[in-house]
PDB file of N, CA and C in Angstrom:
ATOM      1  N   MET A   1      47.601 124.604  91.486  1.00  0.00           N
ATOM      2  CA  MET A   1      47.084 125.642  90.643  1.00  0.00           C
ATOM      3  C   MET A   1      47.190 125.197  89.188  1.00  0.00           C
ATOM      4  N   LYS A   2      46.152 125.446  88.430  1.00  0.00           N
ATOM      5  CA  LYS A   2      46.108 125.028  87.040  1.00  0.00           C
ATOM      6  C   LYS A   2      47.040 125.889  86.194  1.00  0.00           C
ATOM      7  N   LYS A   3      47.816 125.203  85.351  1.00  0.00           N
ATOM      8  CA  LYS A   3      48.736 125.919  84.473  1.00  0.00           C
ATOM      9  C   LYS A   3      47.968 126.449  83.276  1.00  0.00           C
ATOM     10  N   SER A   4      48.248 127.677  82.912  1.00  0.00           N
ATOM     11  CA  SER A   4      47.585 128.320  81.786  1.00  0.00           C
ATOM     12  C   SER A   4      48.027 127.682  80.482  1.00  0.00           C
ATOM     13  N   LYS A   5      47.118 127.623  79.525  1.00  0.00           N
ATOM     14  CA  LYS A   5      47.493 127.079  78.220  1.00  0.00           C
ATOM     15  C   LYS A   5      48.220 128.119  77.374  1.00  0.00           C
ATOM     16  N   PHE A   6      48.311 129.333  77.887  1.00  0.00           N
ATOM     17  CA  PHE A   6      49.007 130.415  77.194  1.00  0.00           C
ATOM     18  C   PHE A   6      50.321 130.708  77.908  1.00  0.00           C
ATOM     19  N   SER A   7      51.392 130.824  77.137  1.00  0.00           N
ATOM     20  CA  SER A   7      52.664 131.224  77.718  1.00  0.00           C
ATOM     21  C   SER A   7      52.619 132.731  77.986  1.00  0.00           C
ATOM     22  N   GLU A   8      53.561 133.183  78.785  1.00  0.00           N
ATOM     23  CA  GLU A   8      53.591 134.608  79.098  1.00  0.00           C
ATOM     24  C   GLU A   8      53.847 135.441  77.847  1.00  0.00           C
ATOM     25  N   GLU A   9      54.654 134.904  76.945  1.00  0.00           N
ATOM     26  CA  GLU A   9      54.927 135.619  75.697  1.00  0.00           C
ATOM     27  C   GLU A   9      53.653 135.751  74.861  1.00  0.00           C
ATOM     28  N   LYS A  10      52.864 134.673  74.811  1.00  0.00           N
ATOM     29  CA  LYS A  10      51.612 134.694  74.057  1.00  0.00           C
ATOM     30  C   LYS A  10      50.630 135.689  74.698  1.00  0.00           C
ATOM     31  N   ILE A  11      50.607 135.740  76.010  1.00  0.00           N
ATOM     32  CA  ILE A  11      49.734 136.678  76.714  1.00  0.00           C
ATOM     33  C   ILE A  11      50.097 138.113  76.344  1.00  0.00           C
ATOM     34  N   VAL A  12      51.396 138.414  76.314  1.00  0.00           N
ATOM     35  CA  VAL A  12      51.842 139.766  75.961  1.00  0.00           C
ATOM     36  C   VAL A  12      51.424 140.096  74.530  1.00  0.00           C
ATOM     37  N   HIS A  13      51.523 139.131  73.628  1.00  0.00           N
ATOM     38  CA  HIS A  13      51.115 139.364  72.241  1.00  0.00           C
ATOM     39  C   HIS A  13      49.609 139.614  72.139  1.00  0.00           C
ATOM     40  N   ILE A  14      48.822 138.884  72.920  1.00  0.00           N
ATOM     41  CA  ILE A  14      47.369 139.093  72.922  1.00  0.00           C
ATOM     42  C   ILE A  14      47.047 140.493  73.433  1.00  0.00           C
ATOM     43  N   LEU A  15      47.721 140.916  74.503  1.00  0.00           N
ATOM     44  CA  LEU A  15      47.486 142.252  75.047  1.00  0.00           C
ATOM     45  C   LEU A  15      47.880 143.335  74.052  1.00  0.00           C
ATOM     46  N   GLN A  16      48.981 143.119  73.341  1.00  0.00           N
ATOM     47  CA  GLN A  16      49.415 144.100  72.347  1.00  0.00           C
ATOM     48  C   GLN A  16      48.443 144.153  71.172  1.00  0.00           C
ATOM     49  N   GLU A  17      47.871 143.004  70.825  1.00  0.00           N
ATOM     50  CA  GLU A  17      46.897 142.960  69.735  1.00  0.00           C
ATOM     51  C   GLU A  17      45.661 143.775  70.078  1.00  0.00           C
ATOM     52  N   ALA A  18      45.192 143.651  71.319  1.00  0.00           N
ATOM     53  CA  ALA A  18      44.024 144.413  71.740  1.00  0.00           C
ATOM     54  C   ALA A  18      44.361 145.896  71.880  1.00  0.00           C
ATOM     55  N   LYS A  19      45.586 146.176  72.292  1.00  0.00           N
ATOM     56  CA  LYS A  19      46.002 147.564  72.499  1.00  0.00           C
ATOM     57  C   LYS A  19      46.175 148.312  71.178  1.00  0.00           C
ATOM     58  N   SER A  20      46.461 147.579  70.110  1.00  0.00           N
ATOM     59  CA  SER A  20      46.710 148.216  68.815  1.00  0.00           C
ATOM     60  C   SER A  20      45.495 148.990  68.305  1.00  0.00           C
ATOM     61  N   GLY A  21      44.310 148.606  68.735  1.00  0.00           N
ATOM     62  CA  GLY A  21      43.111 149.355  68.366  1.00  0.00           C
ATOM     63  C   GLY A  21      42.429 148.880  67.109  1.00  0.00           C
ATOM     64  N   ASN A  22      42.959 147.868  66.444  1.00  0.00           N
ATOM     65  CA  ASN A  22      42.334 147.354  65.228  1.00  0.00           C
ATOM     66  C   ASN A  22      41.054 146.578  65.514  1.00  0.00           C
ATOM     67  N   SER A  23      40.952 146.019  66.719  1.00  0.00           N
ATOM     68  CA  SER A  23      39.754 145.287  67.103  1.00  0.00           C
ATOM     69  C   SER A  23      39.454 145.555  68.568  1.00  0.00           C
ATOM     70  N   THR A  24      38.239 145.248  68.969  1.00  0.00           N
ATOM     71  CA  THR A  24      37.835 145.499  70.349  1.00  0.00           C
ATOM     72  C   THR A  24      38.354 144.387  71.249  1.00  0.00           C
ATOM     73  N   VAL A  25      38.282 144.628  72.535  1.00  0.00           N
ATOM     74  CA  VAL A  25      38.712 143.641  73.522  1.00  0.00           C
ATOM     75  C   VAL A  25      37.867 142.381  73.397  1.00  0.00           C
ATOM     76  N   GLN A  26      36.564 142.546  73.191  1.00  0.00           N
ATOM     77  CA  GLN A  26      35.679 141.393  73.073  1.00  0.00           C
ATOM     78  C   GLN A  26      36.048 140.535  71.861  1.00  0.00           C
ATOM     79  N   GLU A  27      36.391 141.167  70.757  1.00  0.00           N
ATOM     80  CA  GLU A  27      36.769 140.416  69.553  1.00  0.00           C
ATOM     81  C   GLU A  27      38.071 139.647  69.781  1.00  0.00           C
ATOM     82  N   VAL A  28      39.031 140.273  70.428  1.00  0.00           N
ATOM     83  CA  VAL A  28      40.297 139.609  70.713  1.00  0.00           C
ATOM     84  C   VAL A  28      40.074 138.432  71.661  1.00  0.00           C
ATOM     85  N   CYS A  29      39.243 138.633  72.671  1.00  0.00           N
ATOM     86  CA  CYS A  29      38.951 137.564  73.617  1.00  0.00           C
ATOM     87  C   CYS A  29      38.258 136.392  72.917  1.00  0.00           C
ATOM     88  N   ARG A  30      37.326 136.680  72.076  1.00  0.00           N
ATOM     89  CA  ARG A  30      36.611 135.633  71.342  1.00  0.00           C
ATOM     90  C   ARG A  30      37.568 134.887  70.415  1.00  0.00           C
ATOM     91  N   LYS A  31      38.449 135.614  69.761  1.00  0.00           N
ATOM     92  CA  LYS A  31      39.402 135.017  68.824  1.00  0.00           C
ATOM     93  C   LYS A  31      40.337 134.025  69.524  1.00  0.00           C
ATOM     94  N   HIS A  32      40.768 134.377  70.740  1.00  0.00           N
ATOM     95  CA  HIS A  32      41.734 133.547  71.454  1.00  0.00           C
ATOM     96  C   HIS A  32      41.085 132.616  72.481  1.00  0.00           C
ATOM     97  N   GLY A  33      39.768 132.692  72.631  1.00  0.00           N
ATOM     98  CA  GLY A  33      39.062 131.787  73.535  1.00  0.00           C
ATOM     99  C   GLY A  33      39.264 132.073  75.002  1.00  0.00           C
ATOM    100  N   ILE A  34      39.314 133.351  75.356  1.00  0.00           N
ATOM    101  CA  ILE A  34      39.445 133.737  76.760  1.00  0.00           C
ATOM    102  C   ILE A  34      38.280 134.638  77.138  1.00  0.00           C
ATOM    103  N   THR A  35      38.082 134.804  78.434  1.00  0.00           N
ATOM    104  CA  THR A  35      37.028 135.709  78.891  1.00  0.00           C
ATOM    105  C   THR A  35      37.602 137.106  79.069  1.00  0.00           C
ATOM    106  N   THR A  36      36.706 138.076  79.120  1.00  0.00           N
ATOM    107  CA  THR A  36      37.169 139.451  79.334  1.00  0.00           C
ATOM    108  C   THR A  36      37.769 139.611  80.729  1.00  0.00           C
ATOM    109  N   VAL A  37      37.272 138.819  81.692  1.00  0.00           N
ATOM    110  CA  VAL A  37      37.832 138.866  83.046  1.00  0.00           C
ATOM    111  C   VAL A  37      39.296 138.426  83.018  1.00  0.00           C
ATOM    112  N   THR A  38      39.566 137.357  82.265  1.00  0.00           N
ATOM    113  CA  THR A  38      40.938 136.883  82.121  1.00  0.00           C
ATOM    114  C   THR A  38      41.795 137.939  81.442  1.00  0.00           C
ATOM    115  N   TYR A  39      41.244 138.551  80.408  1.00  0.00           N
ATOM    116  CA  TYR A  39      41.987 139.591  79.686  1.00  0.00           C
ATOM    117  C   TYR A  39      42.397 140.716  80.637  1.00  0.00           C
ATOM    118  N   TYR A  40      41.451 141.201  81.432  1.00  0.00           N
ATOM    119  CA  TYR A  40      41.764 142.325  82.318  1.00  0.00           C
ATOM    120  C   TYR A  40      42.684 141.905  83.466  1.00  0.00           C
ATOM    121  N   ALA A  41      42.621 140.646  83.892  1.00  0.00           N
ATOM    122  CA  ALA A  41      43.566 140.155  84.902  1.00  0.00           C
ATOM    123  C   ALA A  41      44.972 140.124  84.322  1.00  0.00           C
ATOM    124  N   TRP A  42      45.080 139.647  83.075  1.00  0.00           N
ATOM    125  CA  TRP A  42      46.378 139.652  82.402  1.00  0.00           C
ATOM    126  C   TRP A  42      46.876 141.078  82.214  1.00  0.00           C
ATOM    127  N   LYS A  43      45.977 141.967  81.848  1.00  0.00           N
ATOM    128  CA  LYS A  43      46.362 143.357  81.610  1.00  0.00           C
ATOM    129  C   LYS A  43      46.899 143.984  82.896  1.00  0.00           C
ATOM    130  N   ARG A  44      46.268 143.663  84.014  1.00  0.00           N
ATOM    131  CA  ARG A  44      46.723 144.189  85.301  1.00  0.00           C
ATOM    132  C   ARG A  44      48.115 143.647  85.635  1.00  0.00           C
ATOM    133  N   LYS A  45      48.361 142.393  85.299  1.00  0.00           N
ATOM    134  CA  LYS A  45      49.637 141.768  85.646  1.00  0.00           C
ATOM    135  C   LYS A  45      50.751 142.112  84.667  1.00  0.00           C
ATOM    136  N   TYR A  46      50.454 142.140  83.363  1.00  0.00           N
ATOM    137  CA  TYR A  46      51.485 142.283  82.344  1.00  0.00           C
ATOM    138  C   TYR A  46      51.426 143.614  81.596  1.00  0.00           C
ATOM    139  N   ASN A  47      50.738 144.605  82.100  1.00  0.00           N
ATOM    140  CA  ASN A  47      50.591 145.866  81.395  1.00  0.00           C
ATOM    141  C   ASN A  47      51.942 146.545  81.181  1.00  0.00           C
ATOM    142  N   GLY A  48      52.271 146.832  79.932  1.00  0.00           N
ATOM    143  CA  GLY A  48      53.498 147.545  79.610  1.00  0.00           C
ATOM    144  C   GLY A  48      54.751 146.706  79.599  1.00  0.00           C
ATOM    145  N   VAL A  49      54.621 145.387  79.723  1.00  0.00           N
ATOM    146  CA  VAL A  49      55.788 144.512  79.747  1.00  0.00           C
ATOM    147  C   VAL A  49      56.050 143.981  78.343  1.00  0.00           C
ATOM    148  N   GLU A  50      57.306 143.997  77.949  1.00  0.00           N
ATOM    149  CA  GLU A  50      57.703 143.455  76.652  1.00  0.00           C
ATOM    150  C   GLU A  50      58.207 142.029  76.836  1.00  0.00           C
ATOM    151  N   VAL A  51      58.306 141.294  75.742  1.00  0.00           N
ATOM    152  CA  VAL A  51      58.739 139.897  75.784  1.00  0.00           C
ATOM    153  C   VAL A  51      60.165 139.788  76.319  1.00  0.00           C
ATOM    154  N   ALA A  52      61.041 140.681  75.916  1.00  0.00           N
ATOM    155  CA  ALA A  52      62.432 140.654  76.392  1.00  0.00           C
ATOM    156  C   ALA A  52      62.486 140.875  77.907  1.00  0.00           C
ATOM    157  N   GLU A  53      61.645 141.767  78.399  1.00  0.00           N
ATOM    158  CA  GLU A  53      61.605 142.023  79.842  1.00  0.00           C
ATOM    159  C   GLU A  53      61.097 140.796  80.591  1.00  0.00           C
ATOM    160  N   LEU A  54      60.128 140.083  80.004  1.00  0.00           N
ATOM    161  CA  LEU A  54      59.613 138.864  80.621  1.00  0.00           C
ATOM    162  C   LEU A  54      60.699 137.808  80.747  1.00  0.00           C
ATOM    163  N   LYS A  55      61.485 137.629  79.692  1.00  0.00           N
ATOM    164  CA  LYS A  55      62.560 136.646  79.731  1.00  0.00           C
ATOM    165  C   LYS A  55      63.584 137.003  80.796  1.00  0.00           C
ATOM    166  N   LYS A  56      63.932 138.280  80.872  1.00  0.00           N
ATOM    167  CA  LYS A  56      64.893 138.728  81.879  1.00  0.00           C
ATOM    168  C   LYS A  56      64.327 138.518  83.290  1.00  0.00           C
ATOM    169  N   MET A  57      63.031 138.784  83.461  1.00  0.00           N
ATOM    170  CA  MET A  57      62.398 138.608  84.757  1.00  0.00           C
ATOM    171  C   MET A  57      62.394 137.127  85.160  1.00  0.00           C
ATOM    172  N   LYS A  58      62.143 136.230  84.205  1.00  0.00           N
ATOM    173  CA  LYS A  58      62.171 134.792  84.499  1.00  0.00           C
ATOM    174  C   LYS A  58      63.563 134.358  84.932  1.00  0.00           C
ATOM    175  N   GLU A  59      64.587 134.853  84.242  1.00  0.00           N
ATOM    176  CA  GLU A  59      65.963 134.522  84.598  1.00  0.00           C
ATOM    177  C   GLU A  59      66.293 135.004  86.005  1.00  0.00           C
ATOM    178  N   LEU A  60      65.874 136.219  86.327  1.00  0.00           N
ATOM    179  CA  LEU A  60      66.145 136.759  87.660  1.00  0.00           C
ATOM    180  C   LEU A  60      65.405 135.986  88.743  1.00  0.00           C
ATOM    181  N   GLU A  61      64.170 135.571  88.461  1.00  0.00           N
ATOM    182  CA  GLU A  61      63.410 134.781  89.436  1.00  0.00           C
ATOM    183  C   GLU A  61      64.068 133.430  89.664  1.00  0.00           C
ATOM    184  N   ALA A  62      64.567 132.804  88.593  1.00  0.00           N
ATOM    185  CA  ALA A  62      65.249 131.512  88.733  1.00  0.00           C
ATOM    186  C   ALA A  62      66.528 131.673  89.544  1.00  0.00           C
ATOM    187  N   GLU A  63      67.278 132.730  89.270  1.00  0.00           N
ATOM    188  CA  GLU A  63      68.507 132.977  90.018  1.00  0.00           C
ATOM    189  C   GLU A  63      68.201 133.272  91.483  1.00  0.00           C
ATOM    190  N   ASN A  64      67.144 134.017  91.732  1.00  0.00           N
ATOM    191  CA  ASN A  64      66.746 134.337  93.097  1.00  0.00           C
ATOM    192  C   ASN A  64      66.361 133.067  93.858  1.00  0.00           C
ATOM    193  N   ALA A  65      65.620 132.167  93.221  1.00  0.00           N
ATOM    194  CA  ALA A  65      65.232 130.909  93.864  1.00  0.00           C
ATOM    195  C   ALA A  65      66.460 130.064  94.183  1.00  0.00           C
ATOM    196  N   LYS A  66      67.414 130.043  93.258  1.00  0.00           N
ATOM    197  CA  LYS A  66      68.653 129.292  93.471  1.00  0.00           C
ATOM    198  C   LYS A  66      69.426 129.852  94.661  1.00  0.00           C
ATOM    199  N   LEU A  67      69.523 131.170  94.740  1.00  0.00           N
ATOM    200  CA  LEU A  67      70.239 131.806  95.851  1.00  0.00           C
ATOM    201  C   LEU A  67      69.533 131.572  97.184  1.00  0.00           C
ATOM    202  N   LYS A  68      68.208 131.586  97.180  1.00  0.00           N
ATOM    203  CA  LYS A  68      67.459 131.317  98.417  1.00  0.00           C
ATOM    204  C   LYS A  68      67.725 129.902  98.915  1.00  0.00           C
ATOM    205  N   ARG A  69      67.752 128.923  97.981  1.00  0.00           N
ATOM    206  CA  ARG A  69      68.053 127.546  98.381  1.00  0.00           C
ATOM    207  C   ARG A  69      69.468 127.448  98.944  1.00  0.00           C
ATOM    208  N   LEU A  70      70.408 128.145  98.317  1.00  0.00           N
ATOM    209  CA  LEU A  70      71.784 128.139  98.775  1.00  0.00           C
ATOM    210  C   LEU A  70      71.903 128.713 100.187  1.00  0.00           C
ATOM    211  N   VAL A  71      71.241 129.817 100.438  1.00  0.00           N
ATOM    212  CA  VAL A  71      71.273 130.436 101.771  1.00  0.00           C
ATOM    213  C   VAL A  71      70.621 129.518 102.803  1.00  0.00           C
ATOM    214  N   ALA A  72      69.529 128.877 102.441  1.00  0.00           N
ATOM    215  CA  ALA A  72      68.859 127.961 103.369  1.00  0.00           C
ATOM    216  C   ALA A  72      69.771 126.789 103.721  1.00  0.00           C
ATOM    217  N   ASN A  73      70.444 126.224 102.733  1.00  0.00           N
ATOM    218  CA  ASN A  73      71.351 125.103 102.996  1.00  0.00           C
ATOM    219  C   ASN A  73      72.523 125.527 103.868  1.00  0.00           C
ATOM    220  N   LEU A  74      73.093 126.685 103.584  1.00  0.00           N
ATOM    221  CA  LEU A  74      74.218 127.165 104.385  1.00  0.00           C
ATOM    222  C   LEU A  74      73.792 127.497 105.814  1.00  0.00           C
ATOM    223  N   SER A  75      72.602 128.036 105.967  1.00  0.00           N
ATOM    224  CA  SER A  75      72.094 128.336 107.315  1.00  0.00           C
ATOM    225  C   SER A  75      71.897 127.058 108.108  1.00  0.00           C
ATOM    226  N   LEU A  76      71.381 126.028 107.443  1.00  0.00           N
ATOM    227  CA  LEU A  76      71.186 124.743 108.106  1.00  0.00           C
ATOM    228  C   LEU A  76      72.522 124.128 108.500  1.00  0.00           C
ATOM    229  N   ASP A  77      73.500 124.178 107.605  1.00  0.00           N
ATOM    230  CA  ASP A  77      74.833 123.671 107.931  1.00  0.00           C
ATOM    231  C   ASP A  77      75.434 124.434 109.105  1.00  0.00           C
ATOM    232  N   ASN A  78      75.284 125.731 109.115  1.00  0.00           N
ATOM    233  CA  ASN A  78      75.803 126.564 110.198  1.00  0.00           C
ATOM    234  C   ASN A  78      75.144 126.197 111.522  1.00  0.00           C
ATOM    235  N   LEU A  79      73.844 125.990 111.500  1.00  0.00           N
ATOM    236  CA  LEU A  79      73.120 125.620 112.716  1.00  0.00           C
ATOM    237  C   LEU A  79      73.585 124.268 113.237  1.00  0.00           C
ATOM    238  N   ILE A  80      73.799 123.315 112.344  1.00  0.00           N
ATOM    239  CA  ILE A  80      74.267 121.990 112.747  1.00  0.00           C
ATOM    240  C   ILE A  80      75.657 122.083 113.370  1.00  0.00           C
ATOM    241  N   LEU A  81      76.543 122.863 112.764  1.00  0.00           N
ATOM    242  CA  LEU A  81      77.893 123.016 113.298  1.00  0.00           C
ATOM    243  C   LEU A  81      77.887 123.690 114.667  1.00  0.00           C
ATOM    244  N   LYS A  82      77.041 124.678 114.839  1.00  0.00           N
ATOM    245  CA  LYS A  82      76.943 125.344 116.146  1.00  0.00           C
ATOM    246  C   LYS A  82      76.411 124.380 117.195  1.00  0.00           C
ATOM    247  N   ASP A  83      75.458 123.550 116.817  1.00  0.00           N
ATOM    248  CA  ASP A  83      74.884 122.586 117.747  1.00  0.00           C
ATOM    249  C   ASP A  83      75.935 121.559 118.162  1.00  0.00           C
ATOM    250  N   ILE A  84      76.706 121.092 117.209  1.00  0.00           N
ATOM    251  CA  ILE A  84      77.760 120.111 117.512  1.00  0.00           C
ATOM    252  C   ILE A  84      78.842 120.750 118.364  1.00  0.00           C
ATOM    253  N   ASN A  85      79.192 121.977 118.051  1.00  0.00           N
ATOM    254  CA  ASN A  85      80.259 122.660 118.772  1.00  0.00           C
ATOM    255  C   ASN A  85      79.862 123.022 120.194  1.00  0.00           C
ATOM    256  N   SER A  86      78.597 123.181 120.471  1.00  0.00           N
ATOM    257  CA  SER A  86      78.162 123.594 121.806  1.00  0.00           C
ATOM    258  C   SER A  86      78.124 122.422 122.801  1.00  0.00           C
ATOM    259  N   LYS A  87      78.111 121.202 122.313  1.00  0.00           N
ATOM    260  CA  LYS A  87      78.070 120.039 123.228  1.00  0.00           C
ATOM    261  C   LYS A  87      79.455 119.780 123.799  1.00  0.00           C
ATOM    262  N   LYS A  88      79.448 119.323 125.038  1.00  0.00           N
ATOM    263  CA  LYS A  88      80.721 118.978 125.684  1.00  0.00           C
ATOM    264  C   LYS A  88      80.984 117.498 125.436  1.00  0.00           C
ATOM    265  N   TRP A  89      82.184 117.187 125.030  1.00  0.00           N
ATOM    266  CA  TRP A  89      82.548 115.808 124.737  1.00  0.00           C
ATOM    267  C   TRP A  89      83.303 115.234 125.860  1.00  0.00           C
TER     268      TRP A  89
END
C-alpha cells in the first residue's frame, strides 16, 4: 500500500482548516494538492480527532502490537513444551 505524503497530524490540520469556514473544501483541496474524494475519506476517518488523541492512539496501537507478538511467542513456546512433554521417552 502506498504511503501518504501527508502525516496524520497534517491531515488533521487540513481538516480543521476546511472546517474553520474561511475557505471552501475545494479551495483547501486545491491549496494542498488533494482531491475532494481524498478529503472526504480523511474526514470520515479522522473527523473530530485532535493531534494529541492521534499520538495517544499511535502509542496504544504500538503497545497492542507488541503485546500481540508477546502472546504469540508465549503460545508457541507453550505448544512446544506440551508437545515435548506428551512424548514418551
